[in-house]
N, C-alpha and C. Protein backbone atom coordinates (compact mmCIF):
# COMPACT_ATOMS: atom_id res chain seq x y z
N UNK A 1 104.55 84.63 71.84
CA UNK A 1 104.69 85.19 72.68
C UNK A 1 105.91 85.87 73.44
N UNK A 2 105.75 86.95 73.58
CA UNK A 2 106.77 87.96 74.18
C UNK A 2 107.37 87.71 75.39
N UNK A 3 108.84 87.55 75.22
CA UNK A 3 109.66 87.56 76.55
C UNK A 3 110.25 88.60 76.66
N UNK A 4 110.18 89.05 78.07
CA UNK A 4 110.80 90.09 78.73
C UNK A 4 111.85 89.48 79.31
N UNK A 5 113.45 90.16 78.25
CA UNK A 5 114.79 89.83 79.07
C UNK A 5 115.03 90.84 80.52
N UNK A 6 115.39 90.58 81.31
CA UNK A 6 115.78 91.51 82.76
C UNK A 6 116.51 92.67 82.29
N UNK A 7 117.64 91.92 81.62
CA UNK A 7 118.79 93.14 81.23
C UNK A 7 118.52 94.23 80.02
N UNK A 8 116.93 94.18 79.10
CA UNK A 8 116.86 94.60 77.90
C UNK A 8 115.40 94.92 78.58
N UNK A 9 114.85 95.40 79.60
CA UNK A 9 113.69 95.91 79.52
C UNK A 9 113.78 97.44 80.09
N UNK A 10 113.09 98.58 80.26
CA UNK A 10 113.56 99.58 80.38
C UNK A 10 112.75 99.77 81.96
N UNK A 11 113.27 100.06 82.83
CA UNK A 11 112.84 100.00 84.43
C UNK A 11 112.58 101.54 84.59
N UNK A 12 111.32 101.85 84.97
CA UNK A 12 111.08 103.27 85.22
C UNK A 12 110.95 103.17 86.96
N UNK A 13 112.18 104.13 86.78
CA UNK A 13 112.75 104.66 88.17
C UNK A 13 111.23 105.88 89.11
N UNK A 14 111.37 105.24 89.78
CA UNK A 14 110.30 105.70 91.12
C UNK A 14 111.44 106.81 92.10
N UNK A 15 112.07 106.53 92.30
CA UNK A 15 112.54 107.58 92.94
C UNK A 15 114.16 106.72 92.62
N UNK A 16 115.51 108.00 93.45
CA UNK A 16 116.52 107.60 93.34
C UNK A 16 117.25 105.87 93.52
N UNK A 17 116.16 105.50 94.71
CA UNK A 17 116.56 104.08 94.96
C UNK A 17 115.64 102.85 94.50
N UNK A 18 114.16 103.41 93.59
CA UNK A 18 113.78 102.33 93.33
C UNK A 18 113.00 102.65 92.25
N UNK A 19 113.07 101.12 92.03
CA UNK A 19 112.12 101.26 90.25
C UNK A 19 111.22 99.44 90.31
N UNK A 20 110.84 100.03 88.66
CA UNK A 20 109.75 98.86 88.13
C UNK A 20 109.92 98.66 86.91
N UNK A 21 109.41 97.34 86.64
CA UNK A 21 109.40 97.30 85.37
C UNK A 21 107.81 96.62 84.88
N UNK A 22 107.05 96.48 84.17
CA UNK A 22 105.56 96.05 83.82
C UNK A 22 105.37 95.47 82.63
N UNK A 23 105.07 93.97 82.96
CA UNK A 23 104.45 93.24 81.89
C UNK A 23 103.23 92.72 81.96
N UNK A 24 102.44 93.46 80.86
CA UNK A 24 101.23 92.76 81.04
C UNK A 24 100.31 92.16 79.26
N UNK A 25 99.04 91.95 80.12
CA UNK A 25 98.52 91.23 78.82
C UNK A 25 96.95 91.82 79.04
N UNK A 26 95.72 91.66 78.37
CA UNK A 26 94.37 92.05 78.54
C UNK A 26 94.13 92.18 79.45
N UNK A 27 94.40 90.78 80.65
CA UNK A 27 93.44 90.75 81.37
C UNK A 27 94.38 90.68 82.98
N UNK A 28 95.64 91.00 82.83
CA UNK A 28 96.63 91.20 83.68
C UNK A 28 98.02 91.37 83.90
N UNK A 29 98.22 92.21 85.11
CA UNK A 29 99.54 92.69 85.12
C UNK A 29 100.49 92.45 85.90
N UNK A 30 101.98 91.93 85.99
CA UNK A 30 103.00 91.95 87.07
C UNK A 30 103.91 93.28 86.81
N UNK A 31 104.26 93.60 88.07
CA UNK A 31 104.50 94.62 88.35
C UNK A 31 105.93 93.84 89.09
N UNK A 32 107.42 93.93 88.44
CA UNK A 32 108.64 93.72 89.28
C UNK A 32 108.97 94.82 89.94
N UNK A 33 108.84 95.15 91.19
CA UNK A 33 109.41 96.51 92.08
C UNK A 33 110.88 96.07 92.67
N UNK A 34 111.47 97.09 92.21
CA UNK A 34 113.38 96.81 93.52
C UNK A 34 113.40 97.94 94.15
N UNK A 35 113.31 97.60 95.57
CA UNK A 35 113.56 98.96 96.49
C UNK A 35 114.80 98.84 97.28
N UNK A 36 115.60 99.84 97.59
CA UNK A 36 117.16 99.94 97.66
C UNK A 36 117.09 101.18 99.03
N UNK A 37 116.53 101.72 99.64
CA UNK A 37 116.09 102.43 100.50
C UNK A 37 116.09 101.97 102.10
N UNK A 38 115.87 100.89 101.89
CA UNK A 38 115.06 100.61 103.87
C UNK A 38 116.65 100.13 104.58
N UNK A 39 116.73 99.71 105.89
CA UNK A 39 115.16 99.66 106.12
C UNK A 39 114.40 100.76 106.56
N UNK A 40 113.24 100.71 106.90
CA UNK A 40 112.50 101.92 106.77
C UNK A 40 112.28 102.06 108.44
N UNK A 41 112.27 103.11 109.03
CA UNK A 41 111.40 103.50 110.70
C UNK A 41 110.29 103.24 110.55
N UNK A 42 109.33 103.58 109.61
CA UNK A 42 107.58 103.29 109.61
C UNK A 42 107.85 102.97 108.41
N UNK A 43 105.99 102.16 108.45
CA UNK A 43 105.58 102.01 107.20
C UNK A 43 105.39 102.70 106.13
N UNK A 44 104.85 102.81 104.67
CA UNK A 44 104.45 103.40 103.67
C UNK A 44 103.27 104.14 104.27
N UNK A 45 102.57 104.34 103.63
CA UNK A 45 101.21 105.26 104.06
C UNK A 45 100.28 103.34 103.02
N UNK A 46 99.15 103.36 104.14
CA UNK A 46 98.35 102.22 103.45
C UNK A 46 97.40 102.97 101.79
N UNK A 47 97.42 102.01 101.58
CA UNK A 47 96.19 102.80 100.32
C UNK A 47 95.62 101.20 99.89
N UNK A 48 94.49 101.43 99.13
CA UNK A 48 93.80 99.85 98.18
C UNK A 48 93.12 100.85 97.38
N UNK A 49 92.90 99.18 96.51
CA UNK A 49 92.27 99.26 94.70
C UNK A 49 91.77 98.19 94.76
N UNK A 50 90.88 98.86 93.54
CA UNK A 50 89.61 97.33 93.30
C UNK A 50 90.75 95.84 92.44
N UNK A 51 91.89 95.79 92.78
CA UNK A 51 92.00 94.70 91.71
C UNK A 51 92.90 93.44 92.65
N UNK A 52 92.38 92.80 92.19
CA UNK A 52 93.01 91.74 92.84
C UNK A 52 94.39 91.43 93.01
N UNK A 53 94.90 91.32 93.98
CA UNK A 53 97.08 91.29 93.91
C UNK A 53 97.18 90.26 94.66
N UNK A 54 98.57 89.91 93.90
CA UNK A 54 99.42 88.77 94.69
C UNK A 54 100.74 89.13 94.69
N UNK A 55 101.16 89.20 95.52
CA UNK A 55 102.60 89.82 95.68
C UNK A 55 103.79 88.04 96.14
N UNK A 56 104.48 88.22 95.52
CA UNK A 56 105.90 87.05 95.56
C UNK A 56 106.87 88.27 96.10
N UNK A 57 107.49 87.92 97.25
CA UNK A 57 108.40 88.43 98.24
C UNK A 57 109.73 87.63 97.13
N UNK A 58 110.72 88.15 96.35
CA UNK A 58 111.85 87.61 95.50
C UNK A 58 113.23 87.75 96.37
N UNK A 59 113.11 89.11 97.48
CA UNK A 59 114.01 89.45 98.01
C UNK A 59 114.27 89.91 99.33
N UNK A 60 114.45 90.08 100.30
CA UNK A 60 114.41 90.91 101.25
C UNK A 60 113.50 90.42 101.95
N UNK A 61 113.81 91.36 103.08
CA UNK A 61 112.64 91.10 104.43
C UNK A 61 111.73 92.35 104.75
N UNK A 62 110.46 92.05 104.62
CA UNK A 62 109.35 92.83 105.26
C UNK A 62 108.17 93.03 105.99
N UNK A 63 107.88 94.14 106.82
CA UNK A 63 106.68 94.33 107.08
C UNK A 63 105.32 93.90 106.12
N UNK A 64 104.66 93.07 106.12
CA UNK A 64 103.21 93.32 105.12
C UNK A 64 101.73 93.67 105.85
N UNK A 65 101.73 94.81 105.89
CA UNK A 65 100.04 94.78 106.57
C UNK A 65 99.26 95.06 106.09
N UNK A 66 98.39 93.66 106.43
CA UNK A 66 97.14 93.48 105.43
C UNK A 66 96.02 93.75 105.80
N UNK A 67 95.26 94.69 105.96
CA UNK A 67 93.98 95.61 106.76
C UNK A 67 94.07 95.58 108.01
N UNK A 68 95.53 96.28 108.02
CA UNK A 68 96.07 96.89 109.29
C UNK A 68 97.09 95.59 110.43
N UNK A 69 96.67 94.90 109.55
CA UNK A 69 97.70 93.35 110.88
C UNK A 69 99.34 93.14 109.64
N UNK A 70 99.84 93.37 110.77
CA UNK A 70 101.69 92.87 110.35
C UNK A 70 101.82 91.71 110.20
N UNK A 71 102.87 91.02 109.12
CA UNK A 71 103.59 89.76 109.27
C UNK A 71 104.74 90.03 108.62
N UNK A 72 105.13 89.39 108.88
CA UNK A 72 107.24 89.89 108.69
C UNK A 72 107.04 88.29 107.33
N UNK A 73 107.55 88.92 106.29
CA UNK A 73 107.52 88.39 104.98
C UNK A 73 108.66 88.17 104.77
N UNK A 74 109.41 86.94 103.76
CA UNK A 74 110.46 87.13 102.84
C UNK A 74 110.77 86.04 102.43
N UNK A 75 112.36 86.07 101.74
CA UNK A 75 112.18 85.16 100.22
C UNK A 75 110.96 84.12 99.90
N UNK A 76 110.48 83.89 99.32
CA UNK A 76 109.56 82.71 98.82
C UNK A 76 108.35 83.06 99.27
N UNK A 77 108.01 83.80 99.99
CA UNK A 77 106.74 83.83 100.60
C UNK A 77 106.14 84.97 99.72
N UNK A 78 104.47 84.47 99.61
CA UNK A 78 103.42 84.83 98.82
C UNK A 78 101.83 85.88 100.02
N UNK A 79 102.34 86.93 99.58
CA UNK A 79 100.68 87.42 100.21
C UNK A 79 99.56 87.31 99.23
N UNK A 80 98.59 87.80 99.05
CA UNK A 80 97.39 87.52 98.64
C UNK A 80 96.12 88.74 99.24
N UNK A 81 96.00 89.75 98.29
CA UNK A 81 95.42 90.87 98.67
C UNK A 81 94.10 90.96 98.16
N UNK A 82 93.47 90.82 98.92
CA UNK A 82 91.68 91.10 98.08
C UNK A 82 91.46 92.05 97.75
N UNK A 83 90.04 92.57 96.81
CA UNK A 83 89.86 93.59 96.35
C UNK A 83 89.89 94.91 97.53
N UNK A 84 90.13 96.52 97.15
CA UNK A 84 89.61 97.15 98.44
C UNK A 84 89.84 96.97 100.00
N UNK A 85 91.47 96.18 99.69
CA UNK A 85 91.57 95.84 100.93
C UNK A 85 92.68 96.82 101.46
N UNK A 86 93.03 97.31 102.63
CA UNK A 86 93.91 98.29 102.66
C UNK A 86 94.94 97.39 103.53
N UNK A 87 96.49 98.01 102.40
CA UNK A 87 97.39 97.45 102.92
C UNK A 87 98.95 97.96 102.80
N UNK A 88 100.04 97.78 103.71
CA UNK A 88 101.63 98.75 102.97
C UNK A 88 102.22 97.99 103.49
N UNK A 89 103.73 98.59 103.35
CA UNK A 89 104.69 97.05 103.50
C UNK A 89 105.56 98.45 103.89
N UNK A 90 106.52 97.83 105.09
CA UNK A 90 107.47 98.20 105.75
C UNK A 90 108.81 97.31 105.56
N UNK A 91 109.89 98.23 104.83
CA UNK A 91 111.16 97.13 104.50
C UNK A 91 112.18 97.35 105.98
N UNK A 92 112.34 96.11 106.06
CA UNK A 92 113.02 95.86 106.92
C UNK A 92 114.48 95.62 106.62
N UNK A 93 115.02 95.64 105.42
CA UNK A 93 116.19 94.83 104.71
C UNK A 93 116.72 96.25 103.97
N UNK A 94 117.67 96.34 103.60
CA UNK A 94 118.13 97.98 102.71
C UNK A 94 117.44 97.49 101.61
N UNK A 95 117.72 95.64 100.65
CA UNK A 95 117.02 95.63 99.68
C UNK A 95 116.01 94.75 99.81
N UNK A 96 114.97 94.88 98.64
CA UNK A 96 113.61 94.53 98.57
C UNK A 96 113.11 94.44 97.22
N UNK A 97 112.79 93.25 96.81
CA UNK A 97 111.97 92.86 95.65
C UNK A 97 110.73 92.25 95.53
N UNK A 98 109.88 92.69 95.12
CA UNK A 98 108.48 92.38 94.65
C UNK A 98 108.13 92.03 93.29
N UNK A 99 107.54 90.87 93.02
CA UNK A 99 106.60 90.40 92.33
C UNK A 99 105.59 90.59 92.61
N UNK A 100 105.02 91.53 91.51
CA UNK A 100 103.07 91.74 92.12
C UNK A 100 102.00 91.92 90.78
N UNK A 101 101.12 90.64 90.99
CA UNK A 101 100.22 90.47 89.78
C UNK A 101 99.45 91.28 90.08
N UNK A 102 98.33 92.23 88.99
CA UNK A 102 97.05 92.86 89.53
C UNK A 102 96.05 91.94 88.32
N UNK A 103 94.68 91.60 88.58
CA UNK A 103 93.66 91.67 87.69
C UNK A 103 92.80 92.53 88.06
N UNK A 104 91.77 92.98 87.16
CA UNK A 104 92.57 93.68 86.18
C UNK A 104 94.21 94.71 86.24
N UNK A 105 94.59 94.78 84.37
CA UNK A 105 95.65 95.20 85.01
C UNK A 105 94.98 96.67 85.53
N UNK A 106 96.53 97.53 86.42
CA UNK A 106 96.09 98.63 86.74
C UNK A 106 96.29 99.92 85.83
N UNK A 107 95.29 100.85 85.64
CA UNK A 107 95.89 101.58 84.52
C UNK A 107 96.32 102.62 84.95
N UNK A 108 96.46 103.23 86.50
CA UNK A 108 97.36 104.28 87.02
C UNK A 108 99.16 103.78 87.07
N UNK A 109 99.23 102.55 86.52
CA UNK A 109 100.72 102.35 86.55
C UNK A 109 101.42 102.42 84.99
N UNK A 110 100.59 102.79 84.18
CA UNK A 110 100.78 102.68 82.93
C UNK A 110 100.99 104.16 82.47
N UNK A 111 101.70 104.03 81.54
CA UNK A 111 102.21 105.75 81.18
C UNK A 111 101.35 106.14 80.24
N UNK A 112 100.73 107.51 80.57
CA UNK A 112 99.63 108.13 79.62
C UNK A 112 100.22 108.53 78.21
């Protein structure tokens, strides 16, 4: 069973203040995303996808918009996003770390 140690994995830069790393099997994917660009005045644009998603908030506070409805979440909270449901976030603290799990894996996150 592979073990990914935080200091030994390559983090993909999403922009100068955000990064992620991915672990996956044939049937699911976990994405650890670190943001250091908050707080935000406005939420990110909403999106949806056919994947089931479960998000664990590891650090920070944010508004999680699920089907247009905002809920404040923080460390230890979990959000379940059904397939094809519009969702987005608005970071309320400077640093936010999320652990997203997807089924099936998101091919669009993989490098071609």
